[in-house]
């Protein structure tokens, strides 16, 4: 009876939130309909120009909010990207003195991953158990944003576990890719990527523990920056895995354009976030570093073409090739690199991230609540009794002869503190080895890698592709700064798999990824590259991203038109 009551409460809470969202949108009639010419002009301006206009009183913040509020609701209609609709409250914030209209983000609407706490609104994180958990006060991140002049106006969709490259949950439903509704916008910050790619916003904030701002940017065709821990605030959030520190999650910026990404990141660090959040390092924005890499005549560029676990699909390999060729034409030294085993990093990182046996994120579920298909694969394998798990491992290793998948699942179990500490030791040893490789052997200024083996996956494909996250997860373990920049789109002709390609010969991780790769079905989906610096190199990575975009010239990525 208790389980039945719990199930019915789950259904009621989901229905309540969806009805509430419908009612909040219906209460905004002025945010419906076609854009006016002045709204289109506002939507076309970089945020730096809009801030200057606000400072000069050439435009009112309410007018910017109305333009982007209208655009956000159009994006939501297309993709189901919005969770909490805060536009009505935001109208009041523009005039009640709660937002600093002299700040570096004055009057700029900002979207937030649903996990970020805004006073007066729920932070459900896709769990029905969290419905009604609204607090009176803004979280640390939102206080900082408001002091900088930004206006939170919508929160965005995510996967219920925060452990997926999809963004679906029972509370809010499924978020779709703005380029193709049959595909995922990414995860766990997929609502942000869908909103920004569609043009429903210019800037937003997500979080990343295994690629959760980078893969959505790649899947949907926007820009993002995975900051190193300590450079960006982390407090004022609700998560599915409180206490997980084996691979720390970091909150980081996502934007529609590269110019906005640079301005937004510099503005936030210029606000001295260490005065708001004890976890932030007191490191000022370093203009000298930015200028150094904007002016450097010759880079030494390392190209990581494969992680040795899942070779990139033709579309993703082509994007890396295009960047490599553009940099070569500019006279830079471009070399292929083979770093310390990325497979080893995937093994260590996956064991640390799920050292609790998947118990924490599962503890928030109610009876009958839908679990993300990728996370469910992890928790199912984790829960197998030891004899059955051993039989499965032996079958994979000795019958299928799949050393890669067998190696990942061999120690897939809940860890004791003793066992976890051993993995932390492995993590630190790997980080030291990678650092020595970078400094003494590769001697590169930065790396260019695929962000994922494939472009966006079809809905529910994470059931198969959940372990195919090595290109991003590697740099979470290392805590390196990484930028994502869209380069091209899938072409059904040139990105098709060769006739000789045999999926049955792939290891289990690669099989799960390639099971859903279809260049014809994916035609038109975005494809990005990942630009990697070392730890705490946000200024450097952003400067290099600008240099790459300049090198691409007329070949650079074209954003989706705002409808």
Protein backbone atom coordinates (compact mmCIF):
# COMPACT_ATOMS: atom_id res chain seq x y z
CA UNK A 1 0.00 0.00 0.00
CA UNK A 2 2.86 2.38 0.84
CA UNK A 3 4.39 1.83 -2.61
CA UNK A 4 1.05 2.39 -4.31
CA UNK A 5 0.51 5.67 -2.46
CA UNK A 6 4.07 6.73 -3.33
CA UNK A 7 3.40 6.00 -7.02
CA UNK A 8 0.19 8.03 -7.07
CA UNK A 9 1.94 10.94 -5.33
CA UNK A 10 4.65 10.76 -7.98
CA UNK A 11 2.06 11.01 -10.75
CA UNK A 12 0.25 13.89 -9.01
CA UNK A 13 3.44 15.88 -8.53
CA UNK A 14 4.49 15.43 -12.17
CA UNK A 15 1.05 16.54 -13.35
CA UNK A 16 1.15 19.52 -10.98
CA UNK A 17 4.47 20.80 -12.36
CA UNK A 18 3.41 20.39 -15.99
CA UNK A 19 0.10 22.16 -15.33
CA UNK A 20 1.90 24.92 -13.46
CA UNK A 21 4.25 25.43 -16.42
CA UNK A 22 1.29 25.64 -18.84
CA UNK A 23 -0.44 28.18 -16.60
CA UNK A 24 2.68 30.34 -16.26
CA UNK A 25 3.10 30.44 -20.03
CA UNK A 26 -0.60 31.21 -20.55
CA UNK A 27 -0.23 34.15 -18.13
CA UNK A 28 2.28 35.75 -20.54
CA UNK A 29 0.16 36.79 -23.57
CA UNK A 30 2.57 39.57 -24.56
CA UNK A 31 5.28 36.91 -25.04
CA UNK A 32 3.36 35.15 -27.79
CA UNK A 33 3.29 35.84 -31.52
CA UNK A 34 5.80 37.06 -34.09
CA UNK A 35 8.88 39.11 -33.26
CA UNK A 36 8.76 42.84 -33.83
CA UNK A 37 11.59 44.49 -35.76
CA UNK A 38 13.03 45.95 -32.54
CA UNK A 39 12.93 42.51 -30.89
CA UNK A 40 14.79 40.99 -33.82
CA UNK A 41 17.41 43.71 -33.54
CA UNK A 42 17.79 42.94 -29.83
CA UNK A 43 18.12 39.22 -30.48
CA UNK A 44 20.87 39.86 -33.04
CA UNK A 45 23.13 41.86 -30.72
CA UNK A 46 26.05 40.39 -28.76
CA UNK A 47 25.56 40.64 -25.02
CA UNK A 48 28.43 43.13 -24.66
CA UNK A 49 26.59 45.58 -26.93
CA UNK A 50 23.30 45.04 -25.09
CA UNK A 51 25.02 45.75 -21.76
CA UNK A 52 26.44 48.99 -23.16
CA UNK A 53 22.97 49.95 -24.38
CA UNK A 54 21.53 49.33 -20.91
CA UNK A 55 24.29 51.37 -19.29
CA UNK A 56 23.56 54.25 -21.68
CA UNK A 57 19.77 53.82 -21.20
CA UNK A 58 19.48 53.25 -24.96
CA UNK A 59 17.36 50.17 -24.18
CA UNK A 60 15.43 49.10 -21.12
CA UNK A 61 16.09 45.70 -19.50
CA UNK A 62 12.38 44.86 -19.73
CA UNK A 63 12.58 45.13 -23.52
CA UNK A 64 15.52 42.69 -23.66
CA UNK A 65 13.62 40.33 -21.36
CA UNK A 66 10.53 40.48 -23.56
CA UNK A 67 12.51 39.67 -26.70
CA UNK A 68 14.30 36.70 -25.14
CA UNK A 69 11.27 35.58 -23.17
CA UNK A 70 9.34 35.35 -26.41
CA UNK A 71 12.22 33.51 -28.08
CA UNK A 72 12.49 31.09 -25.15
CA UNK A 73 8.81 30.17 -25.34
CA UNK A 74 9.16 29.51 -29.08
CA UNK A 75 12.15 27.28 -28.38
CA UNK A 76 10.20 25.48 -25.69
CA UNK A 77 7.27 24.83 -28.04
CA UNK A 78 9.71 23.19 -30.46
CA UNK A 79 11.92 21.26 -28.02
CA UNK A 80 10.36 21.09 -24.52
CA UNK A 81 13.52 22.71 -23.17
CA UNK A 82 12.09 24.89 -20.38
CA UNK A 83 11.22 23.72 -16.86
CA UNK A 84 10.58 26.61 -14.46
CA UNK A 85 9.11 29.65 -16.24
CA UNK A 86 10.36 32.65 -14.22
CA UNK A 87 9.56 35.39 -16.74
CA UNK A 88 6.70 36.89 -14.72
CA UNK A 89 8.90 37.23 -11.65
CA UNK A 90 11.81 38.45 -13.76
CA UNK A 91 9.72 41.41 -14.95
CA UNK A 92 9.55 42.54 -11.33
CA UNK A 93 13.26 41.96 -10.77
CA UNK A 94 14.11 44.43 -13.55
CA UNK A 95 12.63 47.32 -11.54
CA UNK A 96 12.61 46.36 -7.83
CA UNK A 97 16.32 46.93 -7.24
CA UNK A 98 17.21 43.26 -6.77
CA UNK A 99 19.39 43.31 -9.91
CA UNK A 100 22.42 45.59 -10.34
CA UNK A 101 21.85 47.39 -13.64
CA UNK A 102 25.35 48.85 -13.53
CA UNK A 103 27.02 45.43 -13.61
CA UNK A 104 28.91 43.79 -16.50
CA UNK A 105 25.84 41.70 -17.44
CA UNK A 106 23.28 44.47 -16.93
CA UNK A 107 19.87 43.55 -18.33
CA UNK A 108 20.96 40.26 -19.93
CA UNK A 109 18.48 37.37 -19.55
CA UNK A 110 20.22 34.20 -18.43
CA UNK A 111 18.92 30.65 -18.53
CA UNK A 112 19.87 28.15 -15.85
CA UNK A 113 20.06 24.40 -15.64
CA UNK A 114 17.17 23.19 -13.49
CA UNK A 115 19.59 22.22 -10.71
CA UNK A 116 20.46 25.86 -9.91
CA UNK A 117 18.56 27.36 -6.95
CA UNK A 118 16.41 30.44 -7.56
CA UNK A 119 14.42 31.79 -4.62
CA UNK A 120 10.67 31.19 -4.94
CA UNK A 121 10.99 28.38 -7.48
CA UNK A 122 11.37 24.61 -7.20
CA UNK A 123 14.69 22.93 -7.96
CA UNK A 124 13.35 19.52 -8.86
CA UNK A 125 16.31 18.22 -10.91
CA UNK A 126 13.71 16.05 -12.65
CA UNK A 127 12.78 14.11 -9.48
CA UNK A 128 9.14 14.33 -8.39
CA UNK A 129 10.31 13.98 -4.77
CA UNK A 130 11.75 17.51 -5.06
CA UNK A 131 8.49 19.12 -6.18
CA UNK A 132 7.63 21.86 -3.72
CA UNK A 133 11.20 22.31 -2.40
CA UNK A 134 11.31 26.03 -3.24
CA UNK A 135 13.23 28.22 -0.81
CA UNK A 136 12.90 31.92 -0.12
CA UNK A 137 16.46 32.85 -0.99
CA UNK A 138 18.52 32.68 -4.17
CA UNK A 139 21.45 30.29 -4.20
CA UNK A 140 25.03 31.56 -4.37
CA UNK A 141 25.24 31.38 -8.17
CA UNK A 142 22.05 33.38 -8.66
CA UNK A 143 23.08 36.03 -6.12
CA UNK A 144 26.30 36.50 -8.07
CA UNK A 145 24.46 36.69 -11.38
CA UNK A 146 21.99 39.28 -10.14
CA UNK A 147 24.82 41.37 -8.68
CA UNK A 148 26.43 41.24 -12.14
CA UNK A 149 23.17 42.49 -13.67
CA UNK A 150 21.89 39.26 -15.24
CA UNK A 151 18.18 38.39 -15.17
CA UNK A 152 17.32 34.70 -14.61
CA UNK A 153 14.22 34.06 -16.72
CA UNK A 154 13.92 30.29 -17.35
CA UNK A 155 15.33 27.06 -16.01
CA UNK A 156 15.99 24.20 -18.39
CA UNK A 157 15.51 20.46 -18.80
CA UNK A 158 17.89 17.66 -17.82
CA UNK A 159 17.99 13.89 -17.25
CA UNK A 160 16.59 12.69 -13.94
CA UNK A 161 19.90 11.18 -12.82
CA UNK A 162 22.21 13.88 -14.28
CA UNK A 163 24.19 10.93 -15.70
CA UNK A 164 23.20 10.91 -19.34
CA UNK A 165 23.75 12.56 -22.70
CA UNK A 166 19.96 12.78 -22.96
CA UNK A 167 17.54 15.07 -21.09
CA UNK A 168 14.34 13.27 -20.09
CA UNK A 169 12.42 12.84 -16.84
CA UNK A 170 8.88 12.20 -15.65
CA UNK A 171 8.43 15.66 -14.13
CA UNK A 172 9.07 17.68 -17.30
CA UNK A 173 9.10 15.17 -20.15
CA UNK A 174 11.57 14.70 -23.00
CA UNK A 175 13.70 17.50 -24.41
CA UNK A 176 14.48 17.21 -28.13
CA UNK A 177 17.22 18.43 -30.44
CA UNK A 178 16.25 21.66 -32.27
CA UNK A 179 17.82 20.35 -35.50
CA UNK A 180 15.95 17.03 -35.48
CA UNK A 181 13.26 16.12 -32.95
CA UNK A 182 14.11 12.41 -33.16
CA UNK A 183 17.48 13.08 -31.54
CA UNK A 184 18.74 14.13 -28.12
CA UNK A 185 19.98 17.68 -27.48
CA UNK A 186 22.56 16.16 -25.16
CA UNK A 187 22.78 15.94 -21.39
CA UNK A 188 22.86 16.48 -18.68
CA UNK A 189 22.55 20.14 -19.66
CA UNK A 190 20.44 19.36 -22.73
CA UNK A 191 17.68 21.89 -22.09
CA UNK A 192 20.26 24.67 -22.13
CA UNK A 193 21.79 23.53 -25.41
CA UNK A 194 18.37 23.20 -27.08
CA UNK A 195 17.29 26.66 -25.88
CA UNK A 196 20.50 28.40 -26.95
CA UNK A 197 20.80 26.61 -30.28
CA UNK A 198 17.23 27.55 -31.17
CA UNK A 199 17.92 31.19 -30.26
CA UNK A 200 15.81 31.25 -27.09
CA UNK A 201 18.75 32.74 -25.20
CA UNK A 202 22.33 33.88 -25.60
CA UNK A 203 23.91 32.72 -22.34
CA UNK A 204 23.25 30.00 -19.79
CA UNK A 205 24.90 27.92 -17.09
CA UNK A 206 25.17 24.15 -16.90
CA UNK A 207 27.25 21.58 -15.03
CA UNK A 208 29.74 18.99 -16.22
CA UNK A 209 30.91 15.77 -14.54
CA UNK A 210 31.58 13.61 -17.61
CA UNK A 211 30.87 15.99 -20.49
CA UNK A 212 27.54 17.49 -19.46
CA UNK A 213 28.08 20.99 -20.90
CA UNK A 214 30.37 19.85 -23.70
CA UNK A 215 28.37 17.01 -25.25
CA UNK A 216 25.13 19.07 -25.34
CA UNK A 217 27.04 21.87 -27.07
CA UNK A 218 28.34 19.32 -29.61
CA UNK A 219 24.93 17.67 -30.09
CA UNK A 220 23.01 20.95 -30.50
CA UNK A 221 25.49 23.31 -32.13
CA UNK A 222 26.50 25.92 -29.53
CA UNK A 223 29.62 26.93 -27.59
CA UNK A 224 30.62 25.90 -24.08
CA UNK A 225 33.58 26.04 -21.75
CA UNK A 226 34.30 23.35 -19.19
CA UNK A 227 36.08 25.37 -16.50
CA UNK A 228 38.52 23.79 -14.10
CA UNK A 229 37.31 23.27 -10.56
CA UNK A 230 37.78 26.38 -8.46
CA UNK A 231 37.45 28.87 -11.31
CA UNK A 232 33.64 28.98 -11.32
CA UNK A 233 31.15 28.90 -8.42
CA UNK A 234 29.62 25.55 -7.43
CA UNK A 235 27.37 26.41 -4.48
CA UNK A 236 23.64 27.13 -4.60
CA UNK A 237 22.74 23.91 -6.44
CA UNK A 238 20.74 20.72 -5.99
CA UNK A 239 22.24 17.52 -7.37
CA UNK A 240 21.44 13.85 -7.81
CA UNK A 241 24.76 12.80 -6.25
CA UNK A 242 25.53 15.00 -3.22
CA UNK A 243 28.90 14.11 -1.71
CA UNK A 244 30.37 12.67 -4.93
CA UNK A 245 33.90 14.08 -5.11
CA UNK A 246 35.82 11.33 -6.91
CA UNK A 247 35.24 13.21 -10.18
CA UNK A 248 33.98 16.66 -9.12
CA UNK A 249 31.19 18.30 -11.08
CA UNK A 250 31.83 21.85 -12.25
CA UNK A 251 29.34 24.53 -13.25
CA UNK A 252 30.33 26.25 -16.46
CA UNK A 253 29.06 28.67 -19.14
CA UNK A 254 27.22 27.84 -22.37
CA UNK A 255 26.47 30.40 -25.08
CA UNK A 256 25.09 30.80 -28.57
CA UNK A 257 28.24 32.54 -29.88
CA UNK A 258 31.96 32.46 -29.13
CA UNK A 259 32.10 36.21 -28.53
CA UNK A 260 29.42 35.90 -25.87
CA UNK A 261 31.25 32.96 -24.26
CA UNK A 262 34.40 35.04 -23.82
CA UNK A 263 32.58 38.13 -22.56
CA UNK A 264 30.40 36.17 -20.17
CA UNK A 265 33.29 34.17 -18.69
CA UNK A 266 35.44 37.27 -18.23
CA UNK A 267 32.52 39.15 -16.66
CA UNK A 268 31.75 36.41 -14.15
CA UNK A 269 35.38 36.04 -13.05
CA UNK A 270 35.60 39.84 -12.91
CA UNK A 271 32.88 39.74 -10.25
CA UNK A 272 35.37 38.09 -7.88
CA UNK A 273 33.27 34.96 -7.33
CA UNK A 274 35.57 33.83 -4.50
CA UNK A 275 33.84 36.49 -2.39
CA UNK A 276 30.55 34.62 -2.91
CA UNK A 277 31.74 31.01 -2.85
CA UNK A 278 34.54 29.62 -0.68
CA UNK A 279 35.32 26.94 -3.30
CA UNK A 280 36.47 29.48 -5.93
CA UNK A 281 40.19 30.24 -6.25
CA UNK A 282 40.98 33.98 -5.97
CA UNK A 283 42.38 34.18 -9.50
CA UNK A 284 41.63 37.43 -11.36
CA UNK A 285 40.92 37.39 -15.10
CA UNK A 286 44.33 37.37 -16.80
CA UNK A 287 44.20 39.64 -19.83
CA UNK A 288 47.92 39.12 -20.39
CA UNK A 289 47.37 35.39 -21.01
CA UNK A 290 44.51 36.08 -23.37
CA UNK A 291 46.57 38.58 -25.35
CA UNK A 292 49.57 36.24 -25.47
CA UNK A 293 47.59 33.52 -27.24
CA UNK A 294 45.69 35.92 -29.45
CA UNK A 295 49.03 37.20 -30.78
CA UNK A 296 51.21 34.07 -30.74
CA UNK A 297 52.64 33.52 -34.21
CA UNK A 298 53.01 29.76 -34.16
CA UNK A 299 51.20 27.14 -32.14
CA UNK A 300 52.22 23.56 -31.55
CA UNK A 301 48.89 21.75 -31.82
CA UNK A 302 48.28 18.20 -30.68
CA UNK A 303 45.56 16.27 -32.53
CA UNK A 304 44.02 13.41 -30.55
CA UNK A 305 42.33 11.44 -33.32
CA UNK A 306 41.09 8.56 -31.19
CA UNK A 307 40.82 7.64 -27.53
CA UNK A 308 41.64 4.04 -28.42
CA UNK A 309 38.26 2.87 -27.13
CA UNK A 310 35.81 4.21 -29.72
CA UNK A 311 37.23 5.64 -32.94
CA UNK A 312 35.35 8.79 -33.96
CA UNK A 313 32.65 8.42 -36.60
CA UNK A 314 33.36 9.88 -40.05
CA UNK A 315 31.44 13.07 -39.25
CA UNK A 316 33.36 13.71 -36.03
CA UNK A 317 36.71 12.80 -37.58
CA UNK A 318 36.01 15.20 -40.46
CA UNK A 319 35.41 18.11 -38.06
CA UNK A 320 38.79 17.49 -36.42
CA UNK A 321 40.42 17.23 -39.87
CA UNK A 322 38.92 20.57 -40.94
CA UNK A 323 40.34 22.33 -37.89
CA UNK A 324 43.73 20.65 -38.27
CA UNK A 325 43.95 21.67 -41.95
CA UNK A 326 42.89 25.26 -41.21
CA UNK A 327 45.60 25.57 -38.58
CA UNK A 328 48.22 24.03 -40.88
CA UNK A 329 47.37 26.59 -43.56
CA UNK A 330 48.06 29.32 -41.01
CA UNK A 331 51.56 27.93 -40.49
CA UNK A 332 51.08 26.20 -37.14
CA UNK A 333 52.80 22.92 -36.25
CA UNK A 334 50.05 20.30 -36.17
CA UNK A 335 50.99 16.84 -34.91
CA UNK A 336 49.10 13.67 -34.05
CA UNK A 337 49.54 12.68 -30.41
CA UNK A 338 49.12 9.52 -28.36
CA UNK A 339 48.74 10.42 -24.67
CA UNK A 340 48.78 8.05 -21.70
CA UNK A 341 45.98 5.52 -22.13
CA UNK A 342 42.58 7.28 -22.26
CA UNK A 343 41.08 3.84 -21.65
CA UNK A 344 42.80 3.74 -18.27
CA UNK A 345 41.31 7.16 -17.49
CA UNK A 346 37.83 5.96 -18.47
CA UNK A 347 38.24 2.95 -16.19
CA UNK A 348 39.39 5.00 -13.20
CA UNK A 349 36.86 7.80 -13.69
CA UNK A 350 33.88 5.49 -14.09
CA UNK A 351 34.79 3.56 -10.94
CA UNK A 352 35.13 6.77 -8.91
CA UNK A 353 31.97 8.43 -10.21
CA UNK A 354 29.88 5.40 -9.22
CA UNK A 355 31.78 4.30 -6.14
CA UNK A 356 28.56 4.38 -4.11
CA UNK A 357 27.10 1.58 -6.22
CA UNK A 358 24.65 4.04 -7.84
CA UNK A 359 22.81 4.18 -4.50
CA UNK A 360 22.72 7.96 -4.08
CA UNK A 361 20.94 8.98 -7.25
CA UNK A 362 18.59 6.00 -6.92
CA UNK A 363 17.67 7.00 -3.37
CA UNK A 364 15.68 9.96 -4.72
CA UNK A 365 13.40 7.86 -6.93
CA UNK A 366 9.78 7.27 -6.11
CA UNK A 367 7.87 4.11 -6.91
CA UNK A 368 7.39 3.77 -10.66
CA UNK A 369 9.53 6.78 -11.53
CA UNK A 370 11.24 6.48 -14.91
CA UNK A 371 15.01 6.01 -14.84
CA UNK A 372 17.26 7.22 -17.62
CA UNK A 373 18.09 4.28 -19.90
CA UNK A 374 21.84 4.83 -19.70
CA UNK A 375 21.92 5.18 -15.93
CA UNK A 376 19.68 2.15 -15.65
CA UNK A 377 22.25 0.05 -17.49
CA UNK A 378 24.88 1.11 -14.98
CA UNK A 379 22.71 0.48 -11.93
CA UNK A 380 21.44 -2.86 -13.27
CA UNK A 381 24.95 -4.18 -13.74
CA UNK A 382 25.96 -2.76 -10.36
CA UNK A 383 23.11 -4.64 -8.66
CA UNK A 384 23.84 -8.05 -10.19
CA UNK A 385 24.76 -10.65 -7.54
CA UNK A 386 28.50 -11.36 -7.60
CA UNK A 387 28.28 -14.90 -9.10
CA UNK A 388 26.13 -13.67 -12.01
CA UNK A 389 28.41 -10.69 -12.57
CA UNK A 390 31.44 -12.96 -12.65
CA UNK A 391 29.76 -15.25 -15.23
CA UNK A 392 28.89 -12.20 -17.37
CA UNK A 393 32.45 -10.86 -17.10
CA UNK A 394 33.92 -14.25 -18.04
CA UNK A 395 31.59 -14.53 -21.04
CA UNK A 396 32.60 -11.05 -22.25
CA UNK A 397 36.30 -11.68 -21.76
CA UNK A 398 36.71 -15.27 -22.91
CA UNK A 399 33.79 -15.94 -25.24
CA UNK A 400 33.33 -12.54 -26.86
CA UNK A 401 37.05 -11.80 -26.37
CA UNK A 402 36.23 -8.18 -25.61
CA UNK A 403 39.06 -6.98 -23.36
CA UNK A 404 37.80 -3.38 -23.36
CA UNK A 405 34.32 -3.99 -22.00
CA UNK A 406 35.48 -6.79 -19.72
CA UNK A 407 38.06 -4.47 -18.16
CA UNK A 408 35.46 -1.78 -17.44
CA UNK A 409 32.99 -4.10 -15.74
CA UNK A 410 35.40 -6.30 -13.78
CA UNK A 411 35.44 -4.01 -10.71
CA UNK A 412 31.96 -2.57 -11.28
CA UNK A 413 30.63 -2.70 -7.73
CA UNK A 414 30.05 -0.56 -4.69
CA UNK A 415 33.37 0.48 -3.16
CA UNK A 416 34.43 0.56 0.45
CA UNK A 417 36.32 3.64 1.62
CA UNK A 418 39.49 1.57 1.41
CA UNK A 419 38.75 0.61 -2.20
CA UNK A 420 37.79 4.15 -3.19
CA UNK A 421 41.00 5.57 -1.76
CA UNK A 422 42.93 3.15 -3.93
CA UNK A 423 41.16 4.54 -7.00
CA UNK A 424 41.88 8.11 -5.88
CA UNK A 425 45.54 7.09 -5.75
CA UNK A 426 45.27 5.72 -9.30
CA UNK A 427 43.60 8.96 -10.40
CA UNK A 428 46.39 11.12 -9.01
CA UNK A 429 49.08 8.91 -10.54
CA UNK A 430 47.38 9.12 -13.93
CA UNK A 431 47.11 12.92 -13.68
CA UNK A 432 50.82 13.17 -12.90
CA UNK A 433 51.70 10.91 -15.82
CA UNK A 434 49.54 12.91 -18.22
CA UNK A 435 51.07 16.18 -17.03
CA UNK A 436 54.59 14.84 -17.59
CA UNK A 437 53.59 13.60 -21.05
CA UNK A 438 52.21 17.03 -21.99
CA UNK A 439 55.20 18.98 -20.68
CA UNK A 440 58.10 16.69 -21.55
CA UNK A 441 57.01 14.63 -24.54
CA UNK A 442 54.18 16.23 -26.48
CA UNK A 443 55.16 19.83 -25.63
CA UNK A 444 51.95 21.16 -27.20
CA UNK A 445 50.15 24.44 -26.60
CA UNK A 446 46.76 22.75 -26.76
CA UNK A 447 44.91 19.67 -27.99
CA UNK A 448 42.09 19.33 -30.50
CA UNK A 449 39.90 16.25 -30.04
CA UNK A 450 36.45 15.00 -30.95
CA UNK A 451 33.94 15.77 -28.16
CA UNK A 452 32.24 12.41 -28.69
CA UNK A 453 32.52 9.45 -31.03
CA UNK A 454 29.24 10.34 -32.75
CA UNK A 455 26.97 13.31 -33.27
CA UNK A 456 23.67 13.45 -31.32
CA UNK A 457 22.15 10.11 -30.40
CA UNK A 458 18.52 9.10 -31.01
CA UNK A 459 16.24 9.15 -27.97
CA UNK A 460 16.87 6.31 -25.50
CA UNK A 461 20.12 5.35 -27.28
CA UNK A 462 22.10 5.92 -24.10
CA UNK A 463 21.01 2.44 -23.11
CA UNK A 464 23.70 1.29 -25.54
CA UNK A 465 26.04 4.31 -25.63
CA UNK A 466 26.31 5.11 -21.92
CA UNK A 467 30.00 4.14 -21.71
CA UNK A 468 30.98 6.05 -24.85
CA UNK A 469 32.01 9.21 -23.01
CA UNK A 470 35.78 8.90 -22.97
CA UNK A 471 36.58 12.00 -25.05
CA UNK A 472 35.07 14.26 -22.41
CA UNK A 473 35.37 12.16 -19.24
CA UNK A 474 39.16 12.04 -19.66
CA UNK A 475 39.40 15.76 -19.03
CA UNK A 476 37.07 15.68 -16.03
CA UNK A 477 39.51 13.28 -14.41
CA UNK A 478 42.41 15.58 -15.34
CA UNK A 479 40.40 18.72 -14.45
CA UNK A 480 41.57 20.43 -17.64
CA UNK A 481 39.89 23.44 -19.22
CA UNK A 482 38.03 22.48 -22.42
CA UNK A 483 36.09 24.50 -24.96
CA UNK A 484 33.53 23.23 -27.45
CA UNK A 485 33.01 24.95 -30.78
CA UNK A 486 30.64 23.76 -33.53
CA UNK A 487 32.40 23.23 -36.86
CA UNK A 488 30.12 21.57 -39.39
CA UNK A 489 27.02 19.44 -39.93
CA UNK A 490 26.62 15.75 -40.71
CA UNK A 491 26.55 15.11 -44.44
CA UNK A 492 24.69 11.95 -45.47
CA UNK A 493 27.04 11.35 -48.40
CA UNK A 494 30.55 12.09 -47.20
CA UNK A 495 29.99 10.95 -43.59
CA UNK A 496 28.53 7.53 -44.38
CA UNK A 497 30.33 4.49 -43.00
CA UNK A 498 32.40 2.59 -45.58
CA UNK A 499 30.91 -0.60 -46.97
CA UNK A 500 33.70 -2.57 -45.29
CA UNK A 501 32.72 -1.35 -41.81
CA UNK A 502 31.79 -4.30 -39.57
CA UNK A 503 30.12 -3.30 -36.32
CA UNK A 504 30.29 -6.85 -35.00
CA UNK A 505 34.08 -6.62 -34.73
CA UNK A 506 33.94 -3.63 -32.37
CA UNK A 507 34.43 -3.79 -28.61
CA UNK A 508 31.33 -3.45 -26.42
CA UNK A 509 31.73 0.31 -25.84
CA UNK A 510 32.27 1.10 -29.53
CA UNK A 511 29.42 -1.22 -30.55
CA UNK A 512 27.02 0.71 -28.31
CA UNK A 513 28.01 3.99 -29.94
CA UNK A 514 28.04 2.83 -33.56
CA UNK A 515 24.77 0.95 -33.19
CA UNK A 516 23.08 4.34 -33.60
CA UNK A 517 25.36 6.02 -36.13
CA UNK A 518 23.49 6.61 -39.38
CA UNK A 519 24.76 9.51 -41.51
CA UNK A 520 21.57 9.59 -43.59
CA UNK A 521 19.29 9.84 -40.55
CA UNK A 522 21.70 12.28 -38.86
CA UNK A 523 22.04 14.54 -41.91
CA UNK A 524 22.19 18.17 -40.76
CA UNK A 525 23.02 17.51 -37.11
CA UNK A 526 25.84 19.68 -35.69
CA UNK A 527 29.40 18.42 -35.23
CA UNK A 528 31.91 20.15 -32.97
CA UNK A 529 35.51 19.85 -31.82
CA UNK A 530 36.94 20.05 -28.32
CA UNK A 531 39.82 22.45 -27.62
CA UNK A 532 41.81 21.40 -24.56
CA UNK A 533 44.18 23.37 -22.38
CA UNK A 534 45.63 22.38 -19.03
CA UNK A 535 44.18 23.12 -15.61
CA UNK A 536 42.89 26.66 -14.94
CA UNK A 537 43.64 27.85 -18.50
CA UNK A 538 40.26 29.45 -19.29
CA UNK A 539 41.78 32.62 -20.79
CA UNK A 540 44.13 30.61 -22.99
CA UNK A 541 41.49 28.19 -24.27
CA UNK A 542 39.06 30.98 -25.17
CA UNK A 543 41.78 32.91 -27.01
CA UNK A 544 42.71 29.79 -28.98
CA UNK A 545 39.08 29.14 -29.87
CA UNK A 546 38.94 32.62 -31.39
CA UNK A 547 42.13 31.89 -33.35
CA UNK A 548 40.59 28.67 -34.69
CA UNK A 549 37.44 30.47 -35.74
CA UNK A 550 39.56 33.06 -37.54
CA UNK A 551 41.51 30.27 -39.28
CA UNK A 552 38.28 28.68 -40.50
CA UNK A 553 37.26 31.95 -42.16
CA UNK A 554 34.14 31.60 -44.29
CA UNK A 555 33.95 27.90 -43.41
CA UNK A 556 32.95 28.57 -39.82
CA UNK A 557 29.72 27.15 -38.44
CA UNK A 558 26.39 28.80 -39.20
CA UNK A 559 23.92 28.98 -36.33
CA UNK A 560 20.27 28.04 -36.60
CA UNK A 561 18.12 30.96 -37.72
CA UNK A 562 15.85 32.37 -35.03
CA UNK A 563 12.28 31.74 -36.20
